[in-house]
Amino acid sequence: MAKLHGWMVHAERSARTKDGWRTAIQGDPGFPDLVLAREGVVIYAELKSEKGKVAAGQQAWRWALGAGRLKANVYVWRPSDWAQIERALAARDAVVAEAEARVAAEAMAGVKEAEAKMNANVEEAEQARAAAAEALAVWKAAARAISRRENR
């Protein structure tokens, strides 16, 4: 189902050994069974049967990945969670929407800051133009006065 919704999928394949099912790993045990990624959103899912228990290493990874905090997408999925799984895979993730809103807000703040600077520059330019016009008027008045004196 994840592929149908455009997710990239990573899953480790377990193998049956004389000691039961095992997955060859390097690193801390308990990493989630399924990693899905799409448009900057990552989902980590531990897949369990209805009665399957989350092991200590799996719980440690869930905590390390932010389960229950930071709007993290860390789940334990069971067959009875099918509707939740469908929603998580089909819906546009809230994290993406929040990131887009944050980027838009930052861009708008940048636009407003640039607009404020431009308005300040326009105001400064208008003040300089007014001062120049005033100086020109004074210069013209002085030139007329000089010209009148010379013409007498």
C-alpha atoms as a PDB file:
ATOM      1  CA  MET A   1       0.000   0.000   0.000  1.00  0.00           C
ATOM      2  CA  ALA A   2       2.850   2.412   0.767  1.00  0.00           C
ATOM      3  CA  LYS A   3       4.195   2.144  -2.800  1.00  0.00           C
ATOM      4  CA  LEU A   4       0.724   2.996  -4.158  1.00  0.00           C
ATOM      5  CA  HIS A   5       0.864   6.261  -2.206  1.00  0.00           C
ATOM      6  CA  GLY A   6       4.334   7.193  -3.441  1.00  0.00           C
ATOM      7  CA  TRP A   7       6.360   6.174  -0.377  1.00  0.00           C
ATOM      8  CA  MET A   8       9.876   4.795  -0.638  1.00  0.00           C
ATOM      9  CA  VAL A   9      10.059   1.604   1.423  1.00  0.00           C
ATOM     10  CA  HIS A  10      12.847  -0.021   3.427  1.00  0.00           C
ATOM     11  CA  ALA A  11      12.343  -3.270   5.315  1.00  0.00           C
ATOM     12  CA  GLU A  12      14.771  -5.847   6.657  1.00  0.00           C
ATOM     13  CA  ARG A  13      14.092  -9.488   5.856  1.00  0.00           C
ATOM     14  CA  SER A  14      14.195 -11.901   8.739  1.00  0.00           C
ATOM     15  CA  ALA A  15      15.527 -15.417   8.340  1.00  0.00           C
ATOM     16  CA  ARG A  16      14.681 -18.564  10.265  1.00  0.00           C
ATOM     17  CA  THR A  17      17.629 -19.928  12.218  1.00  0.00           C
ATOM     18  CA  LYS A  18      17.961 -22.803  14.654  1.00  0.00           C
ATOM     19  CA  ASP A  19      17.191 -20.206  17.361  1.00  0.00           C
ATOM     20  CA  GLY A  20      14.035 -18.893  15.632  1.00  0.00           C
ATOM     21  CA  TRP A  21      13.490 -15.869  13.402  1.00  0.00           C
ATOM     22  CA  ARG A  22      16.442 -13.475  13.319  1.00  0.00           C
ATOM     23  CA  THR A  23      17.423 -10.386  11.334  1.00  0.00           C
ATOM     24  CA  ALA A  24      21.112  -9.773  10.771  1.00  0.00           C
ATOM     25  CA  ILE A  25      21.921  -6.267  11.985  1.00  0.00           C
ATOM     26  CA  GLN A  26      24.810  -4.076  12.916  1.00  0.00           C
ATOM     27  CA  GLY A  27      24.070  -1.594  15.669  1.00  0.00           C
ATOM     28  CA  ASP A  28      21.557  -1.430  18.467  1.00  0.00           C
ATOM     29  CA  PRO A  29      18.837  -4.081  18.369  1.00  0.00           C
ATOM     30  CA  GLY A  30      15.178  -3.189  18.034  1.00  0.00           C
ATOM     31  CA  PHE A  31      15.247  -0.823  15.031  1.00  0.00           C
ATOM     32  CA  PRO A  32      11.739  -0.605  13.479  1.00  0.00           C
ATOM     33  CA  ASP A  33      10.721  -3.168  10.871  1.00  0.00           C
ATOM     34  CA  LEU A  34       9.599  -0.645   8.283  1.00  0.00           C
ATOM     35  CA  VAL A  35      10.925   2.760   7.212  1.00  0.00           C
ATOM     36  CA  LEU A  36       8.867   4.804   4.743  1.00  0.00           C
ATOM     37  CA  ALA A  37       9.894   8.142   3.222  1.00  0.00           C
ATOM     38  CA  ARG A  38       8.035  10.633   1.008  1.00  0.00           C
ATOM     39  CA  GLU A  39       8.496  14.386   0.447  1.00  0.00           C
ATOM     40  CA  GLY A  40      10.728  14.875   3.479  1.00  0.00           C
ATOM     41  CA  VAL A  41       8.467  12.868   5.794  1.00  0.00           C
ATOM     42  CA  VAL A  42       9.726   9.649   7.365  1.00  0.00           C
ATOM     43  CA  ILE A  43       7.578   6.995   9.059  1.00  0.00           C
ATOM     44  CA  TYR A  44       9.095   4.344  11.313  1.00  0.00           C
ATOM     45  CA  ALA A  45       6.809   1.381  11.973  1.00  0.00           C
ATOM     46  CA  GLU A  46       7.289  -1.634  14.194  1.00  0.00           C
ATOM     47  CA  LEU A  47       5.034  -4.387  12.843  1.00  0.00           C
ATOM     48  CA  LYS A  48       3.433  -6.663  15.420  1.00  0.00           C
ATOM     49  CA  SER A  49       0.776  -9.350  15.509  1.00  0.00           C
ATOM     50  CA  GLU A  50      -2.311  -8.538  17.548  1.00  0.00           C
ATOM     51  CA  LYS A  51      -0.738 -10.079  20.644  1.00  0.00           C
ATOM     52  CA  GLY A  52       2.899  -9.271  19.837  1.00  0.00           C
ATOM     53  CA  LYS A  53       4.784  -7.334  22.500  1.00  0.00           C
ATOM     54  CA  VAL A  54       7.189  -4.453  21.966  1.00  0.00           C
ATOM     55  CA  ALA A  55      10.632  -5.531  23.207  1.00  0.00           C
ATOM     56  CA  ALA A  56      12.854  -3.260  25.315  1.00  0.00           C
ATOM     57  CA  GLY A  57      15.187  -2.541  22.374  1.00  0.00           C
ATOM     58  CA  GLN A  58      12.226  -1.684  20.166  1.00  0.00           C
ATOM     59  CA  GLN A  59      10.846   0.634  22.833  1.00  0.00           C
ATOM     60  CA  ALA A  60      14.286   2.281  23.162  1.00  0.00           C
ATOM     61  CA  TRP A  61      14.336   2.930  19.393  1.00  0.00           C
ATOM     62  CA  ARG A  62      10.760   4.296  19.504  1.00  0.00           C
ATOM     63  CA  TRP A  63      11.835   6.737  22.212  1.00  0.00           C
ATOM     64  CA  ALA A  64      15.055   7.673  20.380  1.00  0.00           C
ATOM     65  CA  LEU A  65      13.045   8.370  17.204  1.00  0.00           C
ATOM     66  CA  GLY A  66      10.663  10.649  19.078  1.00  0.00           C
ATOM     67  CA  ALA A  67       7.521   8.536  19.589  1.00  0.00           C
ATOM     68  CA  GLY A  68       4.977  10.546  21.525  1.00  0.00           C
ATOM     69  CA  ARG A  69       7.043  13.726  21.193  1.00  0.00           C
ATOM     70  CA  LEU A  70       8.096  16.162  18.495  1.00  0.00           C
ATOM     71  CA  LYS A  71       5.247  15.169  16.160  1.00  0.00           C
ATOM     72  CA  ALA A  72       7.313  12.144  15.206  1.00  0.00           C
ATOM     73  CA  ASN A  73       5.897   9.491  12.892  1.00  0.00           C
ATOM     74  CA  VAL A  74       6.773   6.425  14.962  1.00  0.00           C
ATOM     75  CA  TYR A  75       4.175   3.668  15.181  1.00  0.00           C
ATOM     76  CA  VAL A  76       3.513   0.127  16.306  1.00  0.00           C
ATOM     77  CA  TRP A  77       1.121  -1.233  13.692  1.00  0.00           C
ATOM     78  CA  ARG A  78      -1.023  -4.322  14.122  1.00  0.00           C
ATOM     79  CA  PRO A  79      -3.476  -5.838  11.623  1.00  0.00           C
ATOM     80  CA  SER A  80      -6.354  -4.156  13.487  1.00  0.00           C
ATOM     81  CA  ASP A  81      -4.707  -0.758  12.784  1.00  0.00           C
ATOM     82  CA  TRP A  82      -5.420  -0.990   9.043  1.00  0.00           C
ATOM     83  CA  ALA A  83      -7.576   2.176   8.977  1.00  0.00           C
ATOM     84  CA  GLN A  84      -4.884   4.164  10.825  1.00  0.00           C
ATOM     85  CA  ILE A  85      -2.242   2.781   8.446  1.00  0.00           C
ATOM     86  CA  GLU A  86      -4.307   3.835   5.423  1.00  0.00           C
ATOM     87  CA  ARG A  87      -4.766   7.351   6.855  1.00  0.00           C
ATOM     88  CA  ALA A  88      -1.061   7.701   7.633  1.00  0.00           C
ATOM     89  CA  LEU A  89      -0.014   6.584   4.157  1.00  0.00           C
ATOM     90  CA  ALA A  90      -2.694   8.351   2.107  1.00  0.00           C
ATOM     91  CA  ALA A  91      -2.950  11.654   3.948  1.00  0.00           C
ATOM     92  CA  ARG A  92      -0.696  14.595   3.321  1.00  0.00           C
ATOM     93  CA  ASP A  93       1.366  14.483   6.469  1.00  0.00           C
ATOM     94  CA  ALA A  94       0.845  17.270   9.008  1.00  0.00           C
ATOM     95  CA  VAL A  95       4.606  17.609   9.363  1.00  0.00           C
ATOM     96  CA  VAL A  96       4.898  18.516   5.660  1.00  0.00           C
ATOM     97  CA  ALA A  97       2.018  20.994   5.916  1.00  0.00           C
ATOM     98  CA  GLU A  98       3.566  22.541   9.035  1.00  0.00           C
ATOM     99  CA  ALA A  99       6.964  22.827   7.345  1.00  0.00           C
ATOM    100  CA  GLU A 100       5.381  24.459   4.291  1.00  0.00           C
ATOM    101  CA  ALA A 101       3.538  26.921   6.541  1.00  0.00           C
ATOM    102  CA  ARG A 102       6.753  27.715   8.423  1.00  0.00           C
ATOM    103  CA  VAL A 103       8.656  28.311   5.175  1.00  0.00           C
ATOM    104  CA  ALA A 104       5.818  30.510   3.888  1.00  0.00           C
ATOM    105  CA  ALA A 105       5.773  32.474   7.154  1.00  0.00           C
ATOM    106  CA  GLU A 106       9.544  32.958   7.023  1.00  0.00           C
ATOM    107  CA  ALA A 107       9.298  34.069   3.404  1.00  0.00           C
ATOM    108  CA  MET A 108       6.499  36.490   4.282  1.00  0.00           C
ATOM    109  CA  ALA A 109       8.541  37.859   7.185  1.00  0.00           C
ATOM    110  CA  GLY A 110      11.435  38.383   4.754  1.00  0.00           C
ATOM    111  CA  VAL A 111       9.116  40.159   2.320  1.00  0.00           C
ATOM    112  CA  LYS A 112       7.743  42.365   5.098  1.00  0.00           C
ATOM    113  CA  GLU A 113      11.274  43.182   6.284  1.00  0.00           C
ATOM    114  CA  ALA A 114      12.349  44.061   2.742  1.00  0.00           C
ATOM    115  CA  GLU A 115       9.174  46.109   2.307  1.00  0.00           C
ATOM    116  CA  ALA A 116       9.878  47.982   5.560  1.00  0.00           C
ATOM    117  CA  LYS A 117      13.447  48.715   4.418  1.00  0.00           C
ATOM    118  CA  MET A 118      12.177  49.841   1.035  1.00  0.00           C
ATOM    119  CA  ASN A 119       9.582  52.083   2.669  1.00  0.00           C
ATOM    120  CA  ALA A 120      12.273  53.530   4.947  1.00  0.00           C
ATOM    121  CA  ASN A 121      14.483  54.119   1.901  1.00  0.00           C
ATOM    122  CA  VAL A 122      11.575  55.692   0.010  1.00  0.00           C
ATOM    123  CA  GLU A 123      10.830  57.935   2.996  1.00  0.00           C
ATOM    124  CA  GLU A 124      14.512  58.853   3.255  1.00  0.00           C
ATOM    125  CA  ALA A 125      14.629  59.551  -0.491  1.00  0.00           C
ATOM    126  CA  GLU A 126      11.499  61.697  -0.254  1.00  0.00           C
ATOM    127  CA  GLN A 127      13.048  63.655   2.611  1.00  0.00           C
ATOM    128  CA  ALA A 128      16.231  64.116   0.572  1.00  0.00           C
ATOM    129  CA  ARG A 129      14.175  65.209  -2.466  1.00  0.00           C
ATOM    130  CA  ALA A 130      12.232  67.671  -0.326  1.00  0.00           C
ATOM    131  CA  ALA A 131      15.476  69.045   1.141  1.00  0.00           C
ATOM    132  CA  ALA A 132      16.976  69.314  -2.347  1.00  0.00           C
ATOM    133  CA  ALA A 133      13.843  71.063  -3.625  1.00  0.00           C
ATOM    134  CA  GLU A 134      14.010  73.447  -0.676  1.00  0.00           C
ATOM    135  CA  ALA A 135      17.720  74.110  -1.313  1.00  0.00           C
ATOM    136  CA  LEU A 136      16.973  74.666  -5.000  1.00  0.00           C
ATOM    137  CA  ALA A 137      14.199  77.106  -4.111  1.00  0.00           C
ATOM    138  CA  VAL A 138      16.570  78.975  -1.777  1.00  0.00           C
ATOM    139  CA  TRP A 139      19.262  79.001  -4.494  1.00  0.00           C
ATOM    140  CA  LYS A 140      16.774  80.299  -7.110  1.00  0.00           C
ATOM    141  CA  ALA A 141      15.567  82.992  -4.726  1.00  0.00           C
ATOM    142  CA  ALA A 142      19.153  83.991  -4.029  1.00  0.00           C
ATOM    143  CA  ALA A 143      19.949  83.986  -7.765  1.00  0.00           C
ATOM    144  CA  ARG A 144      16.894  86.218  -8.458  1.00  0.00           C
ATOM    145  CA  ALA A 145      17.931  88.572  -5.684  1.00  0.00           C
ATOM    146  CA  ILE A 146      21.460  88.798  -7.056  1.00  0.00           C
ATOM    147  CA  SER A 147      20.137  89.291 -10.573  1.00  0.00           C
ATOM    148  CA  ARG A 148      17.823  92.116  -9.379  1.00  0.00           C
ATOM    149  CA  ARG A 149      20.698  93.827  -7.594  1.00  0.00           C
ATOM    150  CA  GLU A 150      22.875  93.616 -10.659  1.00  0.00           C
ATOM    151  CA  ASN A 151      20.112  94.986 -12.868  1.00  0.00           C
ATOM    152  CA  ARG A 152      19.606  98.121 -10.775  1.00  0.00           C
END
